[in-house]
N, C-alpha and C. Protein backbone atom coordinates (compact mmCIF):
# COMPACT_ATOMS: atom_id res chain seq x y z
N MET A 1 -19.19 11.73 9.06
CA MET A 1 -18.26 11.33 9.10
C MET A 1 -17.86 10.53 10.13
N PHE A 2 -17.62 8.86 10.11
CA PHE A 2 -17.12 8.88 11.64
C PHE A 2 -15.54 9.06 11.63
N ALA A 3 -14.70 9.37 12.82
CA ALA A 3 -13.84 8.95 13.12
C ALA A 3 -13.01 8.13 13.21
N VAL A 4 -11.97 7.73 12.76
CA VAL A 4 -11.09 6.44 12.24
C VAL A 4 -9.99 6.09 13.28
N ALA A 5 -9.81 5.37 13.85
CA ALA A 5 -8.80 4.56 15.07
C ALA A 5 -7.58 4.40 13.96
N ALA A 6 -6.56 4.09 14.11
CA ALA A 6 -5.26 4.12 13.70
C ALA A 6 -4.66 2.58 14.39
N CYS A 7 -3.75 1.81 13.58
CA CYS A 7 -3.42 0.65 14.54
C CYS A 7 -1.56 1.54 14.20
N ALA A 8 -1.29 1.53 15.68
CA ALA A 8 -0.03 2.09 16.19
C ALA A 8 1.39 1.44 15.19
N ALA A 9 1.23 0.02 15.36
CA ALA A 9 2.01 -0.99 15.10
C ALA A 9 1.91 -0.75 13.32
N CYS A 10 1.01 -0.40 12.48
CA CYS A 10 1.19 -0.42 11.46
C CYS A 10 0.60 0.32 10.49
N GLY A 11 -0.14 1.23 11.24
CA GLY A 11 -0.49 2.92 10.28
C GLY A 11 -1.19 2.96 9.99
N ASP A 12 -2.15 2.06 9.77
CA ASP A 12 -3.28 1.83 9.06
C ASP A 12 -4.68 2.03 9.83
N PRO A 13 -5.56 3.24 8.71
CA PRO A 13 -7.09 3.11 9.55
C PRO A 13 -7.79 1.98 9.91
N GLN A 14 -8.45 1.78 10.88
CA GLN A 14 -9.03 0.93 10.97
C GLN A 14 -10.59 1.11 11.37
N VAL A 15 -11.48 0.19 11.94
CA VAL A 15 -12.59 0.84 11.59
C VAL A 15 -13.25 1.67 12.52
N PRO A 16 -14.21 2.29 11.81
CA PRO A 16 -14.88 3.92 12.30
C PRO A 16 -15.17 3.68 13.13
N GLU A 17 -15.55 4.70 13.88
CA GLU A 17 -15.81 4.63 15.50
C GLU A 17 -17.36 4.32 15.30
N GLY A 18 -17.73 3.58 16.31
CA GLY A 18 -19.37 3.40 16.14
C GLY A 18 -19.72 1.91 15.49
N ALA A 19 -18.99 1.61 14.59
CA ALA A 19 -19.40 0.95 13.46
C ALA A 19 -18.90 -0.43 14.20
N ALA A 20 -19.71 -1.82 13.70
CA ALA A 20 -19.33 -3.08 14.38
C ALA A 20 -18.72 -3.97 13.87
N ALA A 21 -18.38 -4.77 14.25
CA ALA A 21 -17.00 -5.31 13.97
C ALA A 21 -17.06 -6.56 14.99
N HIS A 22 -16.34 -7.86 14.46
CA HIS A 22 -16.41 -9.21 14.90
C HIS A 22 -15.27 -9.36 15.90
N ASP A 23 -15.03 -9.73 16.57
CA ASP A 23 -14.05 -9.80 17.79
C ASP A 23 -13.15 -11.15 16.79
N ALA A 24 -11.73 -11.13 16.43
CA ALA A 24 -11.13 -11.79 16.11
C ALA A 24 -10.87 -13.01 16.91
N CYS A 25 -11.21 -13.23 18.12
CA CYS A 25 -10.66 -13.75 18.95
C CYS A 25 -11.54 -14.71 19.89
N ALA A 26 -12.91 -14.01 19.17
CA ALA A 26 -14.13 -14.42 19.82
C ALA A 26 -14.57 -15.22 19.48
N PRO A 27 -15.55 -16.47 19.52
CA PRO A 27 -16.08 -17.54 18.41
C PRO A 27 -16.97 -17.04 17.39
N LEU A 28 -17.01 -17.23 16.29
CA LEU A 28 -17.54 -16.81 15.41
C LEU A 28 -17.97 -18.21 14.18
N THR A 29 -19.07 -18.44 13.81
CA THR A 29 -19.36 -19.59 12.90
C THR A 29 -19.10 -18.93 11.73
N ILE A 30 -18.61 -20.05 10.97
CA ILE A 30 -18.85 -19.74 9.75
C ILE A 30 -19.88 -20.24 8.99
N ALA A 31 -21.23 -19.92 8.14
CA ALA A 31 -22.03 -20.67 7.45
C ALA A 31 -21.67 -20.67 6.40
N ALA A 32 -21.46 -21.25 5.36
CA ALA A 32 -21.28 -21.08 3.75
C ALA A 32 -22.55 -21.82 3.08
N ALA A 33 -22.87 -21.22 2.39
CA ALA A 33 -24.64 -21.70 1.33
C ALA A 33 -24.64 -23.05 1.44
N ALA A 34 -25.39 -23.57 1.72
CA ALA A 34 -25.78 -24.94 1.51
C ALA A 34 -24.83 -25.57 -0.13
N ALA A 35 -25.31 -24.66 -0.87
CA ALA A 35 -25.61 -24.82 -2.38
C ALA A 35 -24.10 -24.47 -2.98
N ALA A 36 -23.47 -24.14 -1.91
CA ALA A 36 -21.98 -24.26 -2.14
C ALA A 36 -21.40 -25.14 -2.52
N SER A 37 -20.95 -24.68 -4.27
CA SER A 37 -19.71 -26.24 -4.46
C SER A 37 -18.39 -26.62 -3.61
N SER A 38 -17.94 -28.04 -4.03
CA SER A 38 -16.95 -28.10 -3.51
C SER A 38 -15.94 -26.73 -3.59
N VAL A 39 -15.71 -26.13 -5.13
CA VAL A 39 -14.31 -25.34 -4.99
C VAL A 39 -15.01 -24.09 -4.24
N GLN A 40 -15.73 -23.54 -4.28
CA GLN A 40 -16.74 -22.93 -3.15
C GLN A 40 -16.27 -23.15 -1.83
N GLN A 41 -16.50 -24.20 -1.07
CA GLN A 41 -16.28 -24.75 0.22
C GLN A 41 -14.84 -24.67 0.55
N ALA A 42 -14.34 -25.40 -0.74
CA ALA A 42 -12.76 -25.33 -0.69
C ALA A 42 -11.85 -23.89 -0.37
N GLY A 43 -12.70 -22.63 -1.26
CA GLY A 43 -12.16 -21.17 -1.04
C GLY A 43 -12.53 -21.08 0.13
N VAL A 44 -13.78 -21.13 1.10
CA VAL A 44 -13.88 -21.18 2.60
C VAL A 44 -12.95 -21.33 3.30
N ALA A 45 -12.46 -22.46 3.18
CA ALA A 45 -11.54 -23.54 3.83
C ALA A 45 -10.21 -22.51 4.28
N GLY A 46 -10.11 -22.28 2.70
CA GLY A 46 -8.35 -21.37 2.45
C GLY A 46 -8.63 -20.39 3.05
N ALA A 47 -9.62 -19.65 2.91
CA ALA A 47 -9.66 -18.46 4.01
C ALA A 47 -9.46 -18.39 5.32
N LEU A 48 -10.18 -19.45 5.92
CA LEU A 48 -10.19 -19.61 7.37
C LEU A 48 -8.75 -20.15 8.13
N ALA A 49 -8.47 -20.89 6.84
CA ALA A 49 -6.91 -21.06 7.61
C ALA A 49 -5.99 -20.07 6.77
N LEU A 50 -5.91 -19.19 6.13
CA LEU A 50 -5.18 -18.03 6.04
C LEU A 50 -5.46 -17.05 6.97
N TRP A 51 -6.46 -17.02 7.41
CA TRP A 51 -6.79 -15.96 8.92
C TRP A 51 -5.73 -16.79 9.95
N ARG A 52 -6.41 -18.32 10.48
CA ARG A 52 -5.76 -18.94 11.21
C ARG A 52 -4.10 -18.91 11.70
N ASP A 53 -3.62 -19.21 10.73
CA ASP A 53 -2.16 -18.91 9.95
C ASP A 53 -1.66 -17.24 10.75
N HIS A 54 -2.91 -16.51 10.57
CA HIS A 54 -1.96 -15.05 11.32
C HIS A 54 -2.62 -14.70 12.60
N GLY A 55 -2.92 -15.62 13.08
CA GLY A 55 -3.70 -15.67 14.75
C GLY A 55 -4.95 -15.76 15.04
N VAL A 56 -5.39 -15.60 13.78
CA VAL A 56 -6.96 -15.20 14.39
C VAL A 56 -7.81 -16.83 14.82
N SER A 57 -8.38 -16.70 15.70
CA SER A 57 -8.88 -17.87 16.30
C SER A 57 -10.20 -17.87 16.77
N ALA A 58 -11.16 -16.94 16.28
CA ALA A 58 -12.50 -16.71 15.96
C ALA A 58 -13.04 -18.43 15.05
N PHE A 59 -12.55 -18.46 14.04
CA PHE A 59 -13.31 -19.79 13.83
C PHE A 59 -12.38 -21.20 14.60
N ASP A 60 -11.92 -21.15 15.58
CA ASP A 60 -12.02 -22.23 16.41
C ASP A 60 -13.39 -22.99 16.67
N PRO A 61 -13.31 -24.20 16.89
CA PRO A 61 -14.44 -24.87 17.59
C PRO A 61 -15.02 -24.40 18.69
N ALA A 62 -16.30 -23.97 18.97
CA ALA A 62 -16.55 -23.29 20.11
C ALA A 62 -16.29 -24.11 21.23
N PRO A 63 -16.48 -24.01 22.66
CA PRO A 63 -15.96 -24.82 23.65
C PRO A 63 -16.67 -25.42 23.57
N ALA A 64 -16.54 -26.89 24.72
CA ALA A 64 -17.43 -28.50 24.79
C ALA A 64 -18.56 -27.59 25.75
N GLY A 65 -19.79 -27.95 25.65
CA GLY A 65 -20.88 -27.86 26.62
C GLY A 65 -21.69 -26.21 26.03
N THR A 66 -21.08 -25.53 24.88
CA THR A 66 -21.91 -24.48 24.50
C THR A 66 -23.30 -24.75 24.46
N THR A 67 -24.50 -24.10 24.81
CA THR A 67 -26.00 -24.12 24.65
C THR A 67 -25.74 -23.33 23.58
N ALA A 68 -27.19 -23.70 22.87
CA ALA A 68 -27.52 -23.12 21.69
C ALA A 68 -27.73 -21.37 22.11
N ALA A 69 -27.91 -21.29 23.53
CA ALA A 69 -28.60 -19.87 24.04
C ALA A 69 -27.22 -19.15 23.97
N ALA A 70 -26.08 -19.54 24.14
CA ALA A 70 -24.43 -19.31 24.13
C ALA A 70 -24.02 -19.52 22.70
N ALA A 71 -24.74 -19.78 21.80
CA ALA A 71 -23.70 -20.11 20.23
C ALA A 71 -23.40 -18.93 20.26
N PRO A 72 -22.02 -19.27 19.14
CA PRO A 72 -21.42 -17.53 18.32
C PRO A 72 -21.77 -17.16 17.38
N PRO A 73 -21.90 -15.96 17.62
CA PRO A 73 -22.63 -15.41 16.32
C PRO A 73 -22.14 -16.06 15.09
N SER A 74 -22.81 -15.45 13.65
CA SER A 74 -22.59 -16.52 12.34
C SER A 74 -22.56 -15.06 11.51
N ILE A 75 -21.45 -15.62 10.73
CA ILE A 75 -21.86 -15.03 9.21
C ILE A 75 -21.63 -15.90 8.21
N ALA A 76 -22.85 -15.69 7.29
CA ALA A 76 -23.38 -16.53 6.01
C ALA A 76 -22.23 -16.23 5.19
N ILE A 77 -22.06 -16.86 4.15
CA ILE A 77 -20.67 -16.81 3.05
C ILE A 77 -21.84 -17.30 1.80
N GLU A 78 -22.35 -16.43 0.52
CA GLU A 78 -23.07 -16.57 -0.22
C GLU A 78 -22.75 -16.51 -1.40
N PHE A 79 -22.74 -17.21 -2.63
CA PHE A 79 -22.41 -16.59 -3.83
C PHE A 79 -22.90 -16.65 -4.73
N ASP A 80 -23.41 -15.78 -5.37
CA ASP A 80 -24.34 -14.95 -6.46
C ASP A 80 -23.29 -14.88 -7.83
N ASP A 81 -24.50 -14.33 -8.88
CA ASP A 81 -24.09 -13.44 -9.74
C ASP A 81 -23.60 -12.20 -9.90
N ALA A 82 -22.90 -11.96 -10.39
CA ALA A 82 -22.33 -10.18 -10.23
C ALA A 82 -21.39 -9.87 -11.67
N ALA A 83 -21.54 -8.83 -11.62
CA ALA A 83 -20.56 -8.11 -12.74
C ALA A 83 -18.75 -8.46 -12.48
N THR A 84 -18.12 -8.68 -13.49
CA THR A 84 -17.38 -9.59 -13.77
C THR A 84 -15.94 -8.59 -12.52
N ALA A 85 -16.03 -7.26 -12.48
CA ALA A 85 -15.47 -6.14 -11.79
C ALA A 85 -15.74 -6.76 -10.20
N PHE A 86 -16.59 -6.97 -9.97
CA PHE A 86 -16.92 -7.37 -8.68
C PHE A 86 -16.72 -8.63 -8.06
N HIS A 87 -16.32 -8.46 -6.92
CA HIS A 87 -15.28 -10.01 -6.03
C HIS A 87 -15.71 -9.99 -5.37
N GLY A 88 -16.32 -9.37 -3.76
CA GLY A 88 -17.01 -10.00 -3.18
C GLY A 88 -17.48 -8.42 -2.32
N VAL A 89 -18.46 -8.99 -1.28
CA VAL A 89 -18.73 -7.83 -0.28
C VAL A 89 -18.96 -8.30 1.00
N TYR A 90 -18.36 -7.76 2.18
CA TYR A 90 -19.20 -7.90 3.23
C TYR A 90 -20.32 -6.92 3.62
N ASP A 91 -21.96 -7.35 4.34
CA ASP A 91 -22.88 -6.83 4.67
C ASP A 91 -22.74 -6.85 6.13
N PRO A 92 -22.36 -5.92 6.93
CA PRO A 92 -22.75 -5.74 8.55
C PRO A 92 -23.96 -5.91 8.84
N ALA A 93 -25.16 -5.12 8.26
CA ALA A 93 -26.12 -5.30 8.58
C ALA A 93 -26.91 -6.98 8.54
N GLY A 94 -26.51 -7.73 7.99
CA GLY A 94 -26.73 -8.88 7.29
C GLY A 94 -25.94 -10.05 8.18
N ASP A 95 -24.78 -9.74 8.19
CA ASP A 95 -23.76 -10.58 9.09
C ASP A 95 -23.52 -12.05 7.66
N ARG A 96 -23.53 -11.27 6.36
CA ARG A 96 -22.81 -12.11 5.44
C ARG A 96 -21.78 -11.86 4.75
N VAL A 97 -21.26 -12.34 3.78
CA VAL A 97 -20.26 -12.10 2.85
C VAL A 97 -20.45 -12.82 1.36
N LEU A 98 -20.53 -11.64 0.48
CA LEU A 98 -21.48 -11.96 -1.01
C LEU A 98 -20.25 -11.97 -1.53
N ILE A 99 -20.12 -13.24 -2.19
CA ILE A 99 -19.46 -13.71 -2.95
C ILE A 99 -19.32 -13.94 -4.87
N ASN A 100 -19.20 -13.40 -5.76
CA ASN A 100 -19.07 -13.67 -7.02
C ASN A 100 -19.00 -14.62 -7.36
N ARG A 101 -20.18 -15.46 -7.85
CA ARG A 101 -19.66 -17.05 -8.29
C ARG A 101 -18.90 -17.38 -9.64
N ASP A 102 -18.78 -16.67 -10.36
CA ASP A 102 -17.93 -16.62 -11.32
C ASP A 102 -16.18 -17.10 -10.79
N LEU A 103 -15.88 -16.85 -10.15
CA LEU A 103 -14.94 -17.03 -8.96
C LEU A 103 -14.77 -18.02 -8.98
N VAL A 104 -14.24 -18.87 -9.42
CA VAL A 104 -13.47 -20.50 -9.87
C VAL A 104 -12.49 -21.01 -9.57
N ASP A 105 -11.23 -20.35 -9.00
CA ASP A 105 -10.07 -21.12 -8.41
C ASP A 105 -9.93 -20.81 -7.19
N PRO A 106 -9.64 -21.96 -6.29
CA PRO A 106 -9.99 -22.08 -4.88
C PRO A 106 -9.04 -20.75 -4.33
N ALA A 107 -7.48 -20.60 -4.87
CA ALA A 107 -7.11 -19.69 -4.09
C ALA A 107 -7.48 -17.97 -3.84
N THR A 108 -7.52 -18.28 -5.46
CA THR A 108 -9.02 -16.82 -5.28
C THR A 108 -9.73 -16.35 -4.73
N LEU A 109 -10.32 -17.38 -4.41
CA LEU A 109 -11.59 -17.43 -3.52
C LEU A 109 -11.49 -17.35 -2.34
N ALA A 110 -10.28 -17.78 -1.99
CA ALA A 110 -9.71 -17.74 -0.24
C ALA A 110 -9.52 -16.48 -0.08
N ILE A 111 -8.77 -15.60 -1.34
CA ILE A 111 -8.09 -14.04 -0.74
C ILE A 111 -9.00 -13.37 -0.65
N VAL A 112 -10.36 -13.85 -1.40
CA VAL A 112 -11.35 -12.83 -1.67
C VAL A 112 -12.66 -13.03 -0.53
N ILE A 113 -12.42 -13.84 0.05
CA ILE A 113 -13.58 -14.41 1.30
C ILE A 113 -12.54 -14.20 2.23
N ALA A 114 -11.10 -14.15 2.43
CA ALA A 114 -10.15 -13.79 3.42
C ALA A 114 -10.37 -12.01 3.65
N HIS A 115 -10.20 -11.36 2.26
CA HIS A 115 -10.65 -9.85 2.71
C HIS A 115 -11.89 -9.35 3.07
N GLU A 116 -12.90 -10.01 2.76
CA GLU A 116 -14.20 -9.56 3.21
C GLU A 116 -14.47 -10.22 4.72
N LEU A 117 -13.62 -11.12 4.99
CA LEU A 117 -13.79 -11.50 6.72
C LEU A 117 -12.94 -10.03 7.79
N GLY A 118 -11.85 -10.14 6.48
CA GLY A 118 -10.96 -8.86 7.42
C GLY A 118 -12.24 -7.43 7.53
N HIS A 119 -12.91 -7.10 6.72
CA HIS A 119 -13.95 -6.13 7.28
C HIS A 119 -14.94 -7.00 8.49
N ALA A 120 -15.03 -7.98 8.38
CA ALA A 120 -16.02 -8.17 9.30
C ALA A 120 -15.39 -8.13 10.38
N PHE A 121 -13.56 -8.46 10.56
CA PHE A 121 -12.87 -7.96 11.73
C PHE A 121 -12.84 -6.71 12.22
N GLY A 122 -13.05 -5.86 11.36
CA GLY A 122 -12.96 -3.91 11.78
C GLY A 122 -11.67 -3.66 10.48
N LEU A 123 -11.44 -4.58 9.55
CA LEU A 123 -10.35 -3.63 8.89
C LEU A 123 -10.92 -3.37 7.48
N VAL A 124 -10.52 -2.15 7.43
CA VAL A 124 -10.36 -1.20 5.86
C VAL A 124 -9.50 -1.09 4.73
N HIS A 125 -10.09 -0.91 3.78
CA HIS A 125 -9.12 -0.79 2.81
C HIS A 125 -7.84 -0.37 2.98
N ILE A 126 -6.92 -0.61 2.42
CA ILE A 126 -5.79 -0.48 2.19
C ILE A 126 -4.69 0.74 0.79
N PRO A 127 -4.83 1.73 0.94
CA PRO A 127 -4.64 1.71 -0.74
C PRO A 127 -3.11 1.19 -1.48
N PRO A 128 -3.14 0.80 -2.18
CA PRO A 128 -1.85 -0.31 -2.86
C PRO A 128 -0.57 0.39 -2.22
N ASP A 129 -0.21 2.13 -2.32
CA ASP A 129 0.88 2.53 -2.34
C ASP A 129 1.34 2.99 -1.24
N THR A 130 0.74 2.26 0.03
CA THR A 130 0.30 2.53 1.29
C THR A 130 1.67 1.55 1.71
N ARG A 131 1.07 -0.18 1.50
CA ARG A 131 1.43 -1.34 1.44
C ARG A 131 0.82 -2.01 0.77
N LEU A 132 1.52 -3.48 0.62
CA LEU A 132 1.04 -5.05 -0.04
C LEU A 132 -0.15 -5.25 1.44
N SER A 133 -0.71 -5.56 0.85
CA SER A 133 -1.91 -5.79 2.02
C SER A 133 -2.82 -6.68 1.56
N LEU A 134 -3.42 -7.82 2.67
CA LEU A 134 -4.75 -8.65 2.18
C LEU A 134 -6.21 -7.54 1.65
N MET A 135 -6.07 -6.46 2.35
CA MET A 135 -7.10 -5.06 2.22
C MET A 135 -6.79 -4.19 1.43
N ASN A 136 -5.99 -4.62 0.55
CA ASN A 136 -5.61 -3.73 -0.67
C ASN A 136 -7.16 -4.01 -1.47
N PRO A 137 -7.73 -2.67 -2.28
CA PRO A 137 -8.77 -2.72 -2.77
C PRO A 137 -8.71 -3.68 -4.06
N GLY A 138 -9.72 -4.56 -4.51
CA GLY A 138 -9.54 -5.39 -5.53
C GLY A 138 -8.76 -6.48 -5.63
N ASN A 139 -7.81 -7.34 -4.64
CA ASN A 139 -6.99 -8.39 -4.59
C ASN A 139 -7.34 -9.36 -4.87
N LEU A 140 -6.92 -9.67 -5.43
CA LEU A 140 -6.79 -11.03 -5.65
C LEU A 140 -6.23 -12.11 -5.44
N VAL A 141 -4.45 -12.08 -4.99
CA VAL A 141 -3.13 -12.55 -5.00
C VAL A 141 -2.72 -12.52 -3.14
N THR A 142 -2.84 -11.31 -2.53
CA THR A 142 -2.40 -11.21 -1.94
C THR A 142 -3.00 -11.71 -0.46
N PRO A 143 -2.10 -12.72 0.42
CA PRO A 143 -2.87 -13.21 1.62
C PRO A 143 -2.95 -12.02 3.30
N PRO A 144 -3.06 -12.76 3.73
CA PRO A 144 -3.26 -11.80 5.04
C PRO A 144 -1.16 -11.66 5.20
N THR A 145 -0.88 -10.59 5.42
CA THR A 145 0.45 -9.75 5.81
C THR A 145 0.64 -9.71 7.20
N ASP A 146 1.47 -9.88 7.38
CA ASP A 146 2.12 -9.72 9.07
C ASP A 146 1.75 -8.37 9.82
N ALA A 147 1.36 -7.04 8.78
CA ALA A 147 0.55 -6.02 9.05
C ALA A 147 -0.47 -5.74 9.29
N ASP A 148 -1.09 -7.40 8.27
CA ASP A 148 -2.58 -7.20 8.68
C ASP A 148 -2.71 -8.05 9.67
N GLN A 149 -2.01 -8.62 10.45
CA GLN A 149 -2.50 -9.60 11.58
C GLN A 149 -1.78 -8.35 13.01
N GLN A 150 -1.31 -7.43 12.54
CA GLN A 150 -0.44 -6.75 13.44
C GLN A 150 -2.43 -5.39 13.49
N ALA A 151 -2.65 -5.31 12.51
CA ALA A 151 -3.61 -4.19 12.60
C ALA A 151 -4.80 -4.95 12.76
N VAL A 152 -5.03 -6.22 13.03
CA VAL A 152 -5.86 -7.25 13.37
C VAL A 152 -5.86 -6.91 15.38
N GLU A 153 -4.70 -7.43 15.65
CA GLU A 153 -4.04 -7.10 16.86
C GLU A 153 -4.29 -6.14 17.87
N ALA A 154 -4.32 -5.08 16.74
CA ALA A 154 -4.46 -3.41 17.30
C ALA A 154 -5.82 -3.33 17.95
N LEU A 155 -6.53 -4.15 17.28
CA LEU A 155 -8.50 -4.08 17.29
C LEU A 155 -8.62 -4.74 18.91
N TRP A 156 -8.26 -6.11 18.75
CA TRP A 156 -8.52 -6.89 19.20
C TRP A 156 -7.51 -7.81 20.35
N GLY A 157 -6.41 -7.39 20.12
CA GLY A 157 -5.40 -7.77 21.32
C GLY A 157 -4.84 -9.63 19.96
N PRO A 158 -3.93 -10.28 20.88
CA PRO A 158 -2.86 -11.05 20.07
C PRO A 158 -4.30 -12.06 21.24
N CYS A 159 -4.67 -13.16 19.92
CA CYS A 159 -5.45 -14.36 20.41
C CYS A 159 -5.16 -15.84 21.18
N ARG A 160 -3.51 -15.50 20.59
CA ARG A 160 -3.15 -16.76 21.17
C ARG A 160 -2.70 -16.51 22.64
């Protein structure tokens, strides 16, 4: 079993020791599947905006002059068929987010994708009885909260 660090400011357990996560402040490329519909693309854009609004700068454009060899890491966002109860999952081994293609509301898609990107930043599920959080399991409506931002900053520091 992994040891779990805690966010001192928010009391949340965070990324298990030894697990890989992406720095929320370092450049990160998000690659939506080429076959993504306009609604799915809007969901991806919405998720990135939700995190940007909470201090994450990973999705900012890479600095001018960045070479292909120094290109930022990438996370693929893919849409596929899944059971109704399945919303999405972050696959750290493949650096990809898989989203149920049956989700068709851009706002819901943005929340689900932002939740999975939260896992990519090292955040874990927060039981709903602990606090309202983007990281509540099965969440379809709560965007990143100030406490979610504090949890990211506890791992990576403030980005700006």
